[in-house]
Amino acid sequence: MIQDDTIYCGNTAVYSLSSAEDGKLYVANLNKGIAKDRGEAVQSDFDIDSRRKKIEKKAKAGKQNGGSVENEVQAGAIPEAG
């Protein structure tokens, strides 16, 4: 719900609106997002998960091919650009 310039979820204030923001639109979208039965599947695999799997696979392959720990990409690490 919205009261004055604050959006609440139950009794907890979750967002303070600026004068340029449409609080009613935010509340409608939040209510839609937290509705239990929207008829949509919940996404269980995100882009970051597939990236992490690729990094882990690369690290494992490097280790199996005799690579040293210094040359391996650590699982979950973000490789440097280059």
PDB file of N, CA and C in Angstrom:
ATOM      1  N   MET A   1       0.840  -1.177   0.000  1.00  0.00           N
ATOM      2  CA  MET A   1       0.000   0.000   0.000  1.00  0.00           C
ATOM      3  C   MET A   1       0.879   1.231   0.000  1.00  0.00           C
ATOM      4  N   ILE A   2       0.277   2.333  -0.372  1.00  0.00           N
ATOM      5  CA  ILE A   2       1.000   3.606  -0.394  1.00  0.00           C
ATOM      6  C   ILE A   2       0.331   4.568   0.581  1.00  0.00           C
ATOM      7  N   GLN A   3       1.170   5.244   1.353  1.00  0.00           N
ATOM      8  CA  GLN A   3       0.664   6.240   2.290  1.00  0.00           C
ATOM      9  C   GLN A   3       1.616   7.431   2.247  1.00  0.00           C
ATOM     10  N   ASP A   4       1.065   8.594   1.937  1.00  0.00           N
ATOM     11  CA  ASP A   4       1.863   9.800   1.737  1.00  0.00           C
ATOM     12  C   ASP A   4       2.903   9.543   0.640  1.00  0.00           C
ATOM     13  N   ASP A   5       4.189   9.593   0.957  1.00  0.00           N
ATOM     14  CA  ASP A   5       5.222   9.357  -0.049  1.00  0.00           C
ATOM     15  C   ASP A   5       6.008   8.072   0.217  1.00  0.00           C
ATOM     16  N   THR A   6       5.391   7.142   0.944  1.00  0.00           N
ATOM     17  CA  THR A   6       6.060   5.901   1.311  1.00  0.00           C
ATOM     18  C   THR A   6       5.242   4.690   0.880  1.00  0.00           C
ATOM     19  N   ILE A   7       5.921   3.691   0.326  1.00  0.00           N
ATOM     20  CA  ILE A   7       5.281   2.421  -0.037  1.00  0.00           C
ATOM     21  C   ILE A   7       5.569   1.427   1.076  1.00  0.00           C
ATOM     22  N   TYR A   8       4.512   0.747   1.513  1.00  0.00           N
ATOM     23  CA  TYR A   8       4.615  -0.227   2.595  1.00  0.00           C
ATOM     24  C   TYR A   8       4.274  -1.622   2.094  1.00  0.00           C
ATOM     25  N   CYS A   9       4.960  -2.615   2.660  1.00  0.00           N
ATOM     26  CA  CYS A   9       4.610  -4.019   2.476  1.00  0.00           C
ATOM     27  C   CYS A   9       4.245  -4.496   3.878  1.00  0.00           C
ATOM     28  N   GLY A  10       2.947  -4.636   4.127  1.00  0.00           N
ATOM     29  CA  GLY A  10       2.494  -4.890   5.492  1.00  0.00           C
ATOM     30  C   GLY A  10       2.765  -3.644   6.313  1.00  0.00           C
ATOM     31  N   ASN A  11       3.458  -3.808   7.441  1.00  0.00           N
ATOM     32  CA  ASN A  11       3.801  -2.668   8.298  1.00  0.00           C
ATOM     33  C   ASN A  11       5.201  -2.137   8.041  1.00  0.00           C
ATOM     34  N   THR A  12       5.883  -2.687   7.038  1.00  0.00           N
ATOM     35  CA  THR A  12       7.270  -2.323   6.770  1.00  0.00           C
ATOM     36  C   THR A  12       7.353  -1.343   5.605  1.00  0.00           C
ATOM     37  N   ALA A  13       7.993  -0.209   5.849  1.00  0.00           N
ATOM     38  CA  ALA A  13       8.235   0.765   4.787  1.00  0.00           C
ATOM     39  C   ALA A  13       9.318   0.194   3.875  1.00  0.00           C
ATOM     40  N   VAL A  14       9.021   0.115   2.562  1.00  0.00           N
ATOM     41  CA  VAL A  14       9.989  -0.472   1.639  1.00  0.00           C
ATOM     42  C   VAL A  14      10.564   0.533   0.648  1.00  0.00           C
ATOM     43  N   TYR A  15       9.915   1.667   0.462  1.00  0.00           N
ATOM     44  CA  TYR A  15      10.411   2.637  -0.510  1.00  0.00           C
ATOM     45  C   TYR A  15       9.803   4.005  -0.246  1.00  0.00           C
ATOM     46  N   SER A  16      10.650   5.037  -0.356  1.00  0.00           N
ATOM     47  CA  SER A  16      10.186   6.417  -0.257  1.00  0.00           C
ATOM     48  C   SER A  16      10.209   7.034  -1.653  1.00  0.00           C
ATOM     49  N   LEU A  17       9.091   7.583  -2.051  1.00  0.00           N
ATOM     50  CA  LEU A  17       8.936   8.131  -3.400  1.00  0.00           C
ATOM     51  C   LEU A  17       9.459   9.552  -3.489  1.00  0.00           C
ATOM     52  N   SER A  18       9.981   9.888  -4.667  1.00  0.00           N
ATOM     53  CA  SER A  18      10.295  11.287  -4.940  1.00  0.00           C
ATOM     54  C   SER A  18       9.028  11.913  -5.525  1.00  0.00           C
ATOM     55  N   SER A  19       9.019  13.199  -5.663  1.00  0.00           N
ATOM     56  CA  SER A  19       7.819  13.871  -6.166  1.00  0.00           C
ATOM     57  C   SER A  19       7.529  13.526  -7.625  1.00  0.00           C
ATOM     58  N   ALA A  20       8.526  13.060  -8.377  1.00  0.00           N
ATOM     59  CA  ALA A  20       8.344  12.753  -9.798  1.00  0.00           C
ATOM     60  C   ALA A  20       7.890  11.311 -10.045  1.00  0.00           C
ATOM     61  N   GLU A  21       7.858  10.480  -9.015  1.00  0.00           N
ATOM     62  CA  GLU A  21       7.529   9.068  -9.197  1.00  0.00           C
ATOM     63  C   GLU A  21       6.047   8.798  -9.014  1.00  0.00           C
ATOM     64  N   ASP A  22       5.541   7.822  -9.779  1.00  0.00           N
ATOM     65  CA  ASP A  22       4.141   7.417  -9.716  1.00  0.00           C
ATOM     66  C   ASP A  22       4.002   6.258  -8.732  1.00  0.00           C
ATOM     67  N   GLY A  23       3.675   6.566  -7.506  1.00  0.00           N
ATOM     68  CA  GLY A  23       3.572   5.562  -6.458  1.00  0.00           C
ATOM     69  C   GLY A  23       2.519   4.509  -6.735  1.00  0.00           C
ATOM     70  N   LYS A  24       1.398   4.899  -7.333  1.00  0.00           N
ATOM     71  CA  LYS A  24       0.334   3.931  -7.625  1.00  0.00           C
ATOM     72  C   LYS A  24       0.816   2.879  -8.620  1.00  0.00           C
ATOM     73  N   LEU A  25       1.604   3.285  -9.594  1.00  0.00           N
ATOM     74  CA  LEU A  25       2.155   2.349 -10.567  1.00  0.00           C
ATOM     75  C   LEU A  25       3.132   1.396  -9.888  1.00  0.00           C
ATOM     76  N   TYR A  26       3.991   1.905  -9.014  1.00  0.00           N
ATOM     77  CA  TYR A  26       4.927   1.054  -8.281  1.00  0.00           C
ATOM     78  C   TYR A  26       4.180   0.019  -7.451  1.00  0.00           C
ATOM     79  N   VAL A  27       3.162   0.472  -6.726  1.00  0.00           N
ATOM     80  CA  VAL A  27       2.396  -0.436  -5.871  1.00  0.00           C
ATOM     81  C   VAL A  27       1.707  -1.519  -6.704  1.00  0.00           C
ATOM     82  N   ALA A  28       1.126  -1.124  -7.828  1.00  0.00           N
ATOM     83  CA  ALA A  28       0.463  -2.101  -8.693  1.00  0.00           C
ATOM     84  C   ALA A  28       1.449  -3.147  -9.195  1.00  0.00           C
ATOM     85  N   ASN A  29       2.635  -2.712  -9.609  1.00  0.00           N
ATOM     86  CA  ASN A  29       3.644  -3.654 -10.094  1.00  0.00           C
ATOM     87  C   ASN A  29       4.186  -4.536  -8.982  1.00  0.00           C
ATOM     88  N   LEU A  30       4.388  -3.974  -7.807  1.00  0.00           N
ATOM     89  CA  LEU A  30       4.839  -4.787  -6.672  1.00  0.00           C
ATOM     90  C   LEU A  30       3.794  -5.832  -6.288  1.00  0.00           C
ATOM     91  N   ASN A  31       2.533  -5.427  -6.251  1.00  0.00           N
ATOM     92  CA  ASN A  31       1.469  -6.381  -5.926  1.00  0.00           C
ATOM     93  C   ASN A  31       1.384  -7.481  -6.974  1.00  0.00           C
ATOM     94  N   LYS A  32       1.560  -7.124  -8.223  1.00  0.00           N
ATOM     95  CA  LYS A  32       1.555  -8.128  -9.286  1.00  0.00           C
ATOM     96  C   LYS A  32       2.729  -9.087  -9.108  1.00  0.00           C
ATOM     97  N   GLY A  33       3.875  -8.541  -8.752  1.00  0.00           N
ATOM     98  CA  GLY A  33       5.076  -9.351  -8.591  1.00  0.00           C
ATOM     99  C   GLY A  33       5.034 -10.307  -7.425  1.00  0.00           C
ATOM    100  N   ILE A  34       4.325  -9.955  -6.372  1.00  0.00           N
ATOM    101  CA  ILE A  34       4.296 -10.833  -5.206  1.00  0.00           C
ATOM    102  C   ILE A  34       3.038 -11.686  -5.132  1.00  0.00           C
ATOM    103  N   ALA A  35       2.167 -11.540  -6.113  1.00  0.00           N
ATOM    104  CA  ALA A  35       0.957 -12.373  -6.137  1.00  0.00           C
ATOM    105  C   ALA A  35       1.361 -13.837  -6.222  1.00  0.00           C
ATOM    106  N   LYS A  36       0.709 -14.683  -5.446  1.00  0.00           N
ATOM    107  CA  LYS A  36       1.092 -16.091  -5.387  1.00  0.00           C
ATOM    108  C   LYS A  36       0.718 -16.865  -6.639  1.00  0.00           C
ATOM    109  N   ASP A  37      -0.367 -16.582  -7.261  1.00  0.00           N
ATOM    110  CA  ASP A  37      -0.798 -17.367  -8.405  1.00  0.00           C
ATOM    111  C   ASP A  37      -0.957 -16.463  -9.613  1.00  0.00           C
ATOM    112  N   ARG A  38       0.153 -16.190 -10.278  1.00  0.00           N
ATOM    113  CA  ARG A  38       0.119 -15.338 -11.458  1.00  0.00           C
ATOM    114  C   ARG A  38      -0.033 -16.162 -12.722  1.00  0.00           C
ATOM    115  N   GLY A  39       0.108 -17.484 -12.604  1.00  0.00           N
ATOM    116  CA  GLY A  39       0.028 -18.335 -13.771  1.00  0.00           C
ATOM    117  C   GLY A  39       1.302 -18.356 -14.584  1.00  0.00           C
ATOM    118  N   GLU A  40       2.391 -17.809 -14.047  1.00  0.00           N
ATOM    119  CA  GLU A  40       3.669 -17.782 -14.739  1.00  0.00           C
ATOM    120  C   GLU A  40       4.668 -18.666 -13.998  1.00  0.00           C
ATOM    121  N   ALA A  41       5.524 -19.318 -14.754  1.00  0.00           N
ATOM    122  CA  ALA A  41       6.568 -20.130 -14.137  1.00  0.00           C
ATOM    123  C   ALA A  41       7.607 -19.218 -13.492  1.00  0.00           C
ATOM    124  N   VAL A  42       8.117 -19.630 -12.359  1.00  0.00           N
ATOM    125  CA  VAL A  42       9.174 -18.886 -11.685  1.00  0.00           C
ATOM    126  C   VAL A  42      10.493 -19.269 -12.340  1.00  0.00           C
ATOM    127  N   GLN A  43      11.289 -18.285 -12.690  1.00  0.00           N
ATOM    128  CA  GLN A  43      12.570 -18.552 -13.333  1.00  0.00           C
ATOM    129  C   GLN A  43      13.515 -19.130 -12.300  1.00  0.00           C
ATOM    130  N   SER A  44      14.073 -20.318 -12.594  1.00  0.00           N
ATOM    131  CA  SER A  44      14.951 -20.963 -11.630  1.00  0.00           C
ATOM    132  C   SER A  44      16.413 -20.924 -12.052  1.00  0.00           C
ATOM    133  N   ASP A  45      16.698 -20.561 -13.289  1.00  0.00           N
ATOM    134  CA  ASP A  45      18.071 -20.522 -13.770  1.00  0.00           C
ATOM    135  C   ASP A  45      18.323 -19.149 -14.381  1.00  0.00           C
ATOM    136  N   PHE A  46      19.260 -18.437 -13.840  1.00  0.00           N
ATOM    137  CA  PHE A  46      19.540 -17.082 -14.285  1.00  0.00           C
ATOM    138  C   PHE A  46      20.844 -17.040 -15.075  1.00  0.00           C
ATOM    139  N   ASP A  47      21.085 -15.988 -15.819  1.00  0.00           N
ATOM    140  CA  ASP A  47      22.295 -15.847 -16.633  1.00  0.00           C
ATOM    141  C   ASP A  47      23.560 -16.021 -15.804  1.00  0.00           C
ATOM    142  N   ILE A  48      23.563 -15.488 -14.599  1.00  0.00           N
ATOM    143  CA  ILE A  48      24.760 -15.587 -13.757  1.00  0.00           C
ATOM    144  C   ILE A  48      25.048 -17.040 -13.404  1.00  0.00           C
ATOM    145  N   ASP A  49      24.016 -17.877 -13.287  1.00  0.00           N
ATOM    146  CA  ASP A  49      24.219 -19.290 -12.979  1.00  0.00           C
ATOM    147  C   ASP A  49      24.927 -20.004 -14.122  1.00  0.00           C
ATOM    148  N   SER A  50      24.531 -19.726 -15.366  1.00  0.00           N
ATOM    149  CA  SER A  50      25.178 -20.384 -16.503  1.00  0.00           C
ATOM    150  C   SER A  50      26.620 -19.897 -16.646  1.00  0.00           C
ATOM    151  N   ARG A  51      26.865 -18.634 -16.358  1.00  0.00           N
ATOM    152  CA  ARG A  51      28.230 -18.102 -16.420  1.00  0.00           C
ATOM    153  C   ARG A  51      29.110 -18.769 -15.367  1.00  0.00           C
ATOM    154  N   ARG A  52      28.568 -18.941 -14.167  1.00  0.00           N
ATOM    155  CA  ARG A  52      29.313 -19.582 -13.084  1.00  0.00           C
ATOM    156  C   ARG A  52      29.648 -21.024 -13.463  1.00  0.00           C
ATOM    157  N   LYS A  53      28.689 -21.736 -14.076  1.00  0.00           N
ATOM    158  CA  LYS A  53      28.934 -23.125 -14.485  1.00  0.00           C
ATOM    159  C   LYS A  53      30.056 -23.200 -15.511  1.00  0.00           C
ATOM    160  N   LYS A  54      30.085 -22.262 -16.462  1.00  0.00           N
ATOM    161  CA  LYS A  54      31.147 -22.246 -17.468  1.00  0.00           C
ATOM    162  C   LYS A  54      32.507 -22.007 -16.818  1.00  0.00           C
ATOM    163  N   ILE A  55      32.566 -21.098 -15.871  1.00  0.00           N
ATOM    164  CA  ILE A  55      33.817 -20.793 -15.179  1.00  0.00           C
ATOM    165  C   ILE A  55      34.288 -22.002 -14.387  1.00  0.00           C
ATOM    166  N   GLU A  56      33.361 -22.665 -13.680  1.00  0.00           N
ATOM    167  CA  GLU A  56      33.722 -23.855 -12.911  1.00  0.00           C
ATOM    168  C   GLU A  56      34.216 -24.970 -13.828  1.00  0.00           C
ATOM    169  N   LYS A  57      33.567 -25.142 -14.978  1.00  0.00           N
ATOM    170  CA  LYS A  57      33.961 -26.178 -15.935  1.00  0.00           C
ATOM    171  C   LYS A  57      35.366 -25.894 -16.468  1.00  0.00           C
ATOM    172  N   LYS A  58      35.641 -24.614 -16.773  1.00  0.00           N
ATOM    173  CA  LYS A  58      36.958 -24.231 -17.278  1.00  0.00           C
ATOM    174  C   LYS A  58      38.031 -24.479 -16.219  1.00  0.00           C
ATOM    175  N   ALA A  59      37.742 -24.162 -14.978  1.00  0.00           N
ATOM    176  CA  ALA A  59      38.692 -24.379 -13.890  1.00  0.00           C
ATOM    177  C   ALA A  59      38.959 -25.867 -13.696  1.00  0.00           C
ATOM    178  N   LYS A  60      37.925 -26.670 -13.760  1.00  0.00           N
ATOM    179  CA  LYS A  60      38.071 -28.118 -13.595  1.00  0.00           C
ATOM    180  C   LYS A  60      38.896 -28.701 -14.736  1.00  0.00           C
ATOM    181  N   ALA A  61      38.645 -28.261 -15.968  1.00  0.00           N
ATOM    182  CA  ALA A  61      39.392 -28.745 -17.127  1.00  0.00           C
ATOM    183  C   ALA A  61      40.865 -28.360 -17.005  1.00  0.00           C
ATOM    184  N   GLY A  62      41.140 -27.162 -16.558  1.00  0.00           N
ATOM    185  CA  GLY A  62      42.517 -26.723 -16.376  1.00  0.00           C
ATOM    186  C   GLY A  62      43.248 -27.540 -15.340  1.00  0.00           C
ATOM    187  N   LYS A  63      42.562 -27.861 -14.269  1.00  0.00           N
ATOM    188  CA  LYS A  63      43.155 -28.658 -13.204  1.00  0.00           C
ATOM    189  C   LYS A  63      43.450 -30.075 -13.691  1.00  0.00           C
ATOM    190  N   GLN A  64      42.536 -30.649 -14.468  1.00  0.00           N
ATOM    191  CA  GLN A  64      42.713 -31.997 -14.988  1.00  0.00           C
ATOM    192  C   GLN A  64      43.831 -32.059 -16.027  1.00  0.00           C
ATOM    193  N   ASN A  65      44.093 -30.951 -16.695  1.00  0.00           N
ATOM    194  CA  ASN A  65      45.136 -30.904 -17.715  1.00  0.00           C
ATOM    195  C   ASN A  65      46.487 -30.504 -17.138  1.00  0.00           C
ATOM    196  N   GLY A  66      46.615 -30.553 -15.823  1.00  0.00           N
ATOM    197  CA  GLY A  66      47.893 -30.275 -15.187  1.00  0.00           C
ATOM    198  C   GLY A  66      48.171 -28.818 -14.931  1.00  0.00           C
ATOM    199  N   GLY A  67      47.194 -27.977 -15.041  1.00  0.00           N
ATOM    200  CA  GLY A  67      47.382 -26.549 -14.782  1.00  0.00           C
ATOM    201  C   GLY A  67      47.609 -26.296 -13.307  1.00  0.00           C
ATOM    202  N   SER A  68      48.341 -25.248 -12.992  1.00  0.00           N
ATOM    203  CA  SER A  68      48.569 -24.909 -11.590  1.00  0.00           C
ATOM    204  C   SER A  68      47.403 -24.084 -11.075  1.00  0.00           C
ATOM    205  N   VAL A  69      47.327 -23.966  -9.770  1.00  0.00           N
ATOM    206  CA  VAL A  69      46.247 -23.206  -9.153  1.00  0.00           C
ATOM    207  C   VAL A  69      46.300 -21.751  -9.606  1.00  0.00           C
ATOM    208  N   GLU A  70      47.511 -21.205  -9.817  1.00  0.00           N
ATOM    209  CA  GLU A  70      47.645 -19.815 -10.227  1.00  0.00           C
ATOM    210  C   GLU A  70      47.044 -19.573 -11.612  1.00  0.00           C
ATOM    211  N   ASN A  71      47.067 -20.614 -12.473  1.00  0.00           N
ATOM    212  CA  ASN A  71      46.567 -20.464 -13.831  1.00  0.00           C
ATOM    213  C   ASN A  71      45.084 -20.766 -13.958  1.00  0.00           C
ATOM    214  N   GLU A  72      44.486 -21.292 -12.910  1.00  0.00           N
ATOM    215  CA  GLU A  72      43.072 -21.654 -12.961  1.00  0.00           C
ATOM    216  C   GLU A  72      42.188 -20.464 -12.669  1.00  0.00           C
ATOM    217  N   VAL A  73      41.010 -20.484 -13.231  1.00  0.00           N
ATOM    218  CA  VAL A  73      40.003 -19.487 -12.896  1.00  0.00           C
ATOM    219  C   VAL A  73      39.265 -20.022 -11.689  1.00  0.00           C
ATOM    220  N   GLN A  74      39.231 -19.258 -10.633  1.00  0.00           N
ATOM    221  CA  GLN A  74      38.527 -19.692  -9.430  1.00  0.00           C
ATOM    222  C   GLN A  74      37.035 -19.702  -9.669  1.00  0.00           C
ATOM    223  N   ALA A  75      36.364 -20.749  -9.199  1.00  0.00           N
ATOM    224  CA  ALA A  75      34.915 -20.861  -9.369  1.00  0.00           C
ATOM    225  C   ALA A  75      34.233 -19.660  -8.731  1.00  0.00           C
ATOM    226  N   GLY A  76      33.346 -19.032  -9.478  1.00  0.00           N
ATOM    227  CA  GLY A  76      32.601 -17.882  -8.986  1.00  0.00           C
ATOM    228  C   GLY A  76      33.311 -16.560  -9.215  1.00  0.00           C
ATOM    229  N   ALA A  77      34.583 -16.619  -9.630  1.00  0.00           N
ATOM    230  CA  ALA A  77      35.321 -15.377  -9.872  1.00  0.00           C
ATOM    231  C   ALA A  77      34.940 -14.807 -11.226  1.00  0.00           C
ATOM    232  N   ILE A  78      35.061 -13.524 -11.351  1.00  0.00           N
ATOM    233  CA  ILE A  78      34.783 -12.861 -12.625  1.00  0.00           C
ATOM    234  C   ILE A  78      36.114 -12.661 -13.326  1.00  0.00           C
ATOM    235  N   PRO A  79      36.278 -13.287 -14.493  1.00  0.00           N
ATOM    236  CA  PRO A  79      37.560 -13.155 -15.190  1.00  0.00           C
ATOM    237  C   PRO A  79      37.808 -11.719 -15.641  1.00  0.00           C
ATOM    238  N   GLU A  80      39.084 -11.352 -15.687  1.00  0.00           N
ATOM    239  CA  GLU A  80      39.427  -9.997 -16.127  1.00  0.00           C
ATOM    240  C   GLU A  80      39.251  -9.871 -17.630  1.00  0.00           C
ATOM    241  N   ALA A  81      38.870  -8.686 -18.063  1.00  0.00           N
ATOM    242  CA  ALA A  81      38.728  -8.437 -19.499  1.00  0.00           C
ATOM    243  C   ALA A  81      40.111  -8.387 -20.121  1.00  0.00           C
ATOM    244  N   GLY A  82      40.199  -8.829 -21.361  1.00  0.00           N
ATOM    245  CA  GLY A  82      41.509  -8.727 -21.978  1.00  0.00           C
ATOM    246  C   GLY A  82      41.642  -9.560 -23.124  1.00  0.00           C
TER     247      GLY A  82
END
